[in-house]
Amino acid sequence: MSVYHFIRLFRESTGKSPYQNVIDARVRKAKELLATRKLTIAEVAYEVGFVDQSHLTRHFKRAFGITPSAFLSLSCRTFSFYGRNR
């Protein structure tokens, strides 16, 4: 099977390219890691396979509508409000 044939079949079955599927998986994993608050955004970016923090930020914002730093701020306030953090 050629690469192009595989890409076409993959897109037909999932609705997105193999590359976009990998990016989506990286962004979901990054969100999980950020929620633990154990790593910095740059460390999370590296851990999930992005070249740098800005690459993660671009894809994170596209997927979730907010930046990773805004996500951290929101999760911090949400947990603080309910007494789960700090």
N, C-alpha and C. Protein backbone atom coordinates (compact mmCIF):
# COMPACT_ATOMS: atom_id res chain seq x y z
N MET A 1 0.85 -1.17 0.00
CA MET A 1 0.00 0.00 0.00
C MET A 1 0.90 1.24 0.00
N SER A 2 0.60 2.17 -0.85
CA SER A 2 1.41 3.38 -0.92
C SER A 2 1.03 4.33 0.23
N VAL A 3 1.91 5.25 0.51
CA VAL A 3 1.68 6.25 1.55
C VAL A 3 0.43 7.05 1.24
N TYR A 4 0.29 7.46 0.00
CA TYR A 4 -0.85 8.28 -0.39
C TYR A 4 -2.17 7.52 -0.28
N HIS A 5 -2.14 6.25 -0.61
CA HIS A 5 -3.34 5.43 -0.48
C HIS A 5 -3.71 5.28 1.00
N PHE A 6 -2.71 5.04 1.84
CA PHE A 6 -2.96 4.94 3.27
C PHE A 6 -3.58 6.23 3.82
N ILE A 7 -3.00 7.37 3.45
CA ILE A 7 -3.51 8.65 3.93
C ILE A 7 -4.96 8.85 3.50
N ARG A 8 -5.26 8.51 2.25
CA ARG A 8 -6.62 8.67 1.75
C ARG A 8 -7.59 7.77 2.52
N LEU A 9 -7.21 6.51 2.75
CA LEU A 9 -8.08 5.59 3.49
C LEU A 9 -8.23 6.03 4.95
N PHE A 10 -7.14 6.49 5.54
CA PHE A 10 -7.20 6.95 6.92
C PHE A 10 -8.16 8.13 7.05
N ARG A 11 -8.03 9.08 6.13
CA ARG A 11 -8.89 10.27 6.16
C ARG A 11 -10.36 9.88 5.95
N GLU A 12 -10.61 8.93 5.07
CA GLU A 12 -11.99 8.48 4.83
C GLU A 12 -12.59 7.84 6.08
N SER A 13 -11.78 7.09 6.83
CA SER A 13 -12.33 6.38 7.99
C SER A 13 -12.40 7.25 9.25
N THR A 14 -11.48 8.21 9.41
CA THR A 14 -11.46 9.00 10.64
C THR A 14 -11.92 10.44 10.45
N GLY A 15 -11.88 10.92 9.21
CA GLY A 15 -12.25 12.31 8.97
C GLY A 15 -11.11 13.29 9.12
N LYS A 16 -9.92 12.79 9.43
CA LYS A 16 -8.76 13.67 9.54
C LYS A 16 -7.51 12.93 9.09
N SER A 17 -6.47 13.70 8.81
CA SER A 17 -5.23 13.10 8.33
C SER A 17 -4.49 12.42 9.48
N PRO A 18 -3.57 11.51 9.15
CA PRO A 18 -2.77 10.88 10.21
C PRO A 18 -2.01 11.94 11.04
N TYR A 19 -1.48 12.95 10.37
CA TYR A 19 -0.75 14.02 11.08
C TYR A 19 -1.67 14.73 12.07
N GLN A 20 -2.89 15.07 11.64
CA GLN A 20 -3.82 15.75 12.54
C GLN A 20 -4.21 14.84 13.71
N ASN A 21 -4.29 13.55 13.45
CA ASN A 21 -4.60 12.60 14.52
C ASN A 21 -3.50 12.59 15.58
N VAL A 22 -2.25 12.64 15.14
CA VAL A 22 -1.11 12.69 16.06
C VAL A 22 -1.13 13.99 16.86
N ILE A 23 -1.37 15.11 16.18
CA ILE A 23 -1.43 16.40 16.86
C ILE A 23 -2.54 16.40 17.91
N ASP A 24 -3.70 15.89 17.55
CA ASP A 24 -4.82 15.84 18.50
C ASP A 24 -4.47 15.00 19.73
N ALA A 25 -3.81 13.88 19.53
CA ALA A 25 -3.42 13.02 20.65
C ALA A 25 -2.40 13.75 21.54
N ARG A 26 -1.45 14.46 20.93
CA ARG A 26 -0.47 15.21 21.71
C ARG A 26 -1.12 16.31 22.54
N VAL A 27 -2.07 17.00 21.94
CA VAL A 27 -2.75 18.10 22.65
C VAL A 27 -3.59 17.56 23.81
N ARG A 28 -4.27 16.45 23.59
CA ARG A 28 -5.06 15.85 24.69
C ARG A 28 -4.15 15.43 25.84
N LYS A 29 -3.01 14.82 25.51
CA LYS A 29 -2.06 14.40 26.55
C LYS A 29 -1.48 15.63 27.26
N ALA A 30 -1.21 16.68 26.51
CA ALA A 30 -0.69 17.91 27.11
C ALA A 30 -1.70 18.48 28.11
N LYS A 31 -2.96 18.44 27.77
CA LYS A 31 -4.00 18.94 28.68
C LYS A 31 -4.01 18.13 29.98
N GLU A 32 -3.89 16.82 29.85
CA GLU A 32 -3.83 15.97 31.04
C GLU A 32 -2.62 16.32 31.91
N LEU A 33 -1.46 16.48 31.28
CA LEU A 33 -0.25 16.80 32.04
C LEU A 33 -0.33 18.17 32.68
N LEU A 34 -0.89 19.13 31.97
CA LEU A 34 -1.02 20.47 32.54
C LEU A 34 -1.96 20.46 33.75
N ALA A 35 -2.98 19.64 33.69
CA ALA A 35 -3.94 19.57 34.80
C ALA A 35 -3.28 19.06 36.08
N THR A 36 -2.21 18.28 35.96
CA THR A 36 -1.53 17.80 37.16
C THR A 36 -0.71 18.89 37.82
N ARG A 37 -0.35 19.93 37.06
CA ARG A 37 0.41 21.09 37.54
C ARG A 37 1.80 20.70 38.06
N LYS A 38 2.36 19.59 37.57
CA LYS A 38 3.68 19.15 38.00
C LYS A 38 4.78 19.64 37.07
N LEU A 39 4.43 20.00 35.83
CA LEU A 39 5.40 20.42 34.83
C LEU A 39 5.06 21.81 34.31
N THR A 40 6.07 22.52 33.83
CA THR A 40 5.82 23.80 33.18
C THR A 40 5.25 23.55 31.79
N ILE A 41 4.74 24.60 31.17
CA ILE A 41 4.19 24.47 29.83
C ILE A 41 5.28 24.02 28.85
N ALA A 42 6.46 24.58 28.98
CA ALA A 42 7.57 24.19 28.10
C ALA A 42 7.94 22.72 28.29
N GLU A 43 7.95 22.25 29.53
CA GLU A 43 8.26 20.85 29.80
C GLU A 43 7.18 19.93 29.23
N VAL A 44 5.93 20.34 29.36
CA VAL A 44 4.83 19.54 28.80
C VAL A 44 4.95 19.48 27.29
N ALA A 45 5.26 20.62 26.66
CA ALA A 45 5.41 20.66 25.21
C ALA A 45 6.47 19.65 24.76
N TYR A 46 7.59 19.67 25.42
CA TYR A 46 8.67 18.74 25.09
C TYR A 46 8.25 17.30 25.34
N GLU A 47 7.59 17.06 26.47
CA GLU A 47 7.19 15.71 26.87
C GLU A 47 6.25 15.05 25.87
N VAL A 48 5.34 15.83 25.29
CA VAL A 48 4.36 15.24 24.37
C VAL A 48 4.81 15.29 22.91
N GLY A 49 5.98 15.89 22.64
CA GLY A 49 6.54 15.81 21.31
C GLY A 49 6.48 17.06 20.46
N PHE A 50 6.11 18.19 21.05
CA PHE A 50 6.15 19.44 20.29
C PHE A 50 7.57 20.00 20.35
N VAL A 51 7.93 20.75 19.32
CA VAL A 51 9.28 21.30 19.23
C VAL A 51 9.53 22.34 20.32
N ASP A 52 8.52 23.15 20.59
CA ASP A 52 8.67 24.18 21.62
C ASP A 52 7.29 24.56 22.16
N GLN A 53 7.31 25.48 23.12
CA GLN A 53 6.08 25.89 23.79
C GLN A 53 5.11 26.58 22.83
N SER A 54 5.63 27.38 21.91
CA SER A 54 4.74 28.10 21.00
C SER A 54 4.00 27.14 20.06
N HIS A 55 4.66 26.06 19.68
CA HIS A 55 4.01 25.05 18.84
C HIS A 55 2.85 24.41 19.60
N LEU A 56 3.08 24.07 20.85
CA LEU A 56 2.00 23.53 21.69
C LEU A 56 0.88 24.55 21.84
N THR A 57 1.24 25.80 22.13
CA THR A 57 0.24 26.84 22.35
C THR A 57 -0.67 27.01 21.14
N ARG A 58 -0.09 27.03 19.96
CA ARG A 58 -0.86 27.20 18.73
C ARG A 58 -1.89 26.08 18.57
N HIS A 59 -1.46 24.85 18.75
CA HIS A 59 -2.38 23.72 18.57
C HIS A 59 -3.36 23.59 19.74
N PHE A 60 -2.93 23.90 20.95
CA PHE A 60 -3.79 23.85 22.13
C PHE A 60 -4.94 24.84 21.97
N LYS A 61 -4.61 26.06 21.55
CA LYS A 61 -5.64 27.08 21.38
C LYS A 61 -6.61 26.69 20.27
N ARG A 62 -6.11 26.11 19.21
CA ARG A 62 -6.98 25.66 18.12
C ARG A 62 -7.93 24.56 18.60
N ALA A 63 -7.45 23.67 19.47
CA ALA A 63 -8.27 22.55 19.94
C ALA A 63 -9.27 22.95 21.02
N PHE A 64 -8.84 23.79 21.97
CA PHE A 64 -9.67 24.07 23.14
C PHE A 64 -10.15 25.52 23.25
N GLY A 65 -9.64 26.39 22.37
CA GLY A 65 -10.11 27.78 22.38
C GLY A 65 -9.43 28.67 23.39
N ILE A 66 -8.51 28.14 24.17
CA ILE A 66 -7.74 28.94 25.13
C ILE A 66 -6.29 28.48 25.10
N THR A 67 -5.40 29.33 25.58
CA THR A 67 -3.98 28.97 25.62
C THR A 67 -3.71 28.08 26.83
N PRO A 68 -2.58 27.37 26.82
CA PRO A 68 -2.24 26.56 27.98
C PRO A 68 -2.13 27.38 29.27
N SER A 69 -1.59 28.60 29.19
CA SER A 69 -1.49 29.42 30.41
C SER A 69 -2.87 29.83 30.90
N ALA A 70 -3.80 30.13 29.99
CA ALA A 70 -5.16 30.45 30.40
C ALA A 70 -5.83 29.21 31.02
N PHE A 71 -5.56 28.04 30.46
CA PHE A 71 -6.09 26.80 31.02
C PHE A 71 -5.60 26.61 32.45
N LEU A 72 -4.31 26.86 32.67
CA LEU A 72 -3.75 26.74 34.02
C LEU A 72 -4.40 27.74 34.97
N SER A 73 -4.61 28.95 34.51
CA SER A 73 -5.25 29.97 35.35
C SER A 73 -6.67 29.57 35.70
N LEU A 74 -7.41 29.08 34.71
CA LEU A 74 -8.78 28.66 34.96
C LEU A 74 -8.84 27.47 35.91
N SER A 75 -7.98 26.49 35.68
CA SER A 75 -8.01 25.30 36.54
C SER A 75 -7.57 25.65 37.95
N CYS A 76 -6.65 26.58 38.08
CA CYS A 76 -6.20 27.01 39.40
C CYS A 76 -7.34 27.70 40.15
N ARG A 77 -8.04 28.60 39.49
CA ARG A 77 -9.16 29.30 40.13
C ARG A 77 -10.30 28.35 40.44
N THR A 78 -10.57 27.42 39.54
CA THR A 78 -11.66 26.46 39.77
C THR A 78 -11.35 25.59 40.98
N PHE A 79 -10.13 25.06 41.03
CA PHE A 79 -9.77 24.21 42.16
C PHE A 79 -9.71 25.01 43.45
N SER A 80 -9.21 26.23 43.41
CA SER A 80 -9.12 27.06 44.61
C SER A 80 -10.52 27.38 45.13
N PHE A 81 -11.44 27.67 44.21
CA PHE A 81 -12.80 28.00 44.59
C PHE A 81 -13.45 26.85 45.35
N TYR A 82 -13.21 25.64 44.91
CA TYR A 82 -13.82 24.48 45.55
C TYR A 82 -12.95 23.90 46.66
N GLY A 83 -11.84 24.54 46.96
CA GLY A 83 -11.01 24.10 48.05
C GLY A 83 -10.16 22.88 47.75
N ARG A 84 -9.95 22.56 46.51
CA ARG A 84 -9.18 21.37 46.15
C ARG A 84 -7.70 21.68 45.93
N ASN A 85 -7.35 22.92 45.78
CA ASN A 85 -5.98 23.28 45.46
C ASN A 85 -5.59 24.46 46.35
N ARG A 86 -4.57 24.30 47.12
CA ARG A 86 -4.05 25.33 48.03
C ARG A 86 -4.80 25.41 49.31
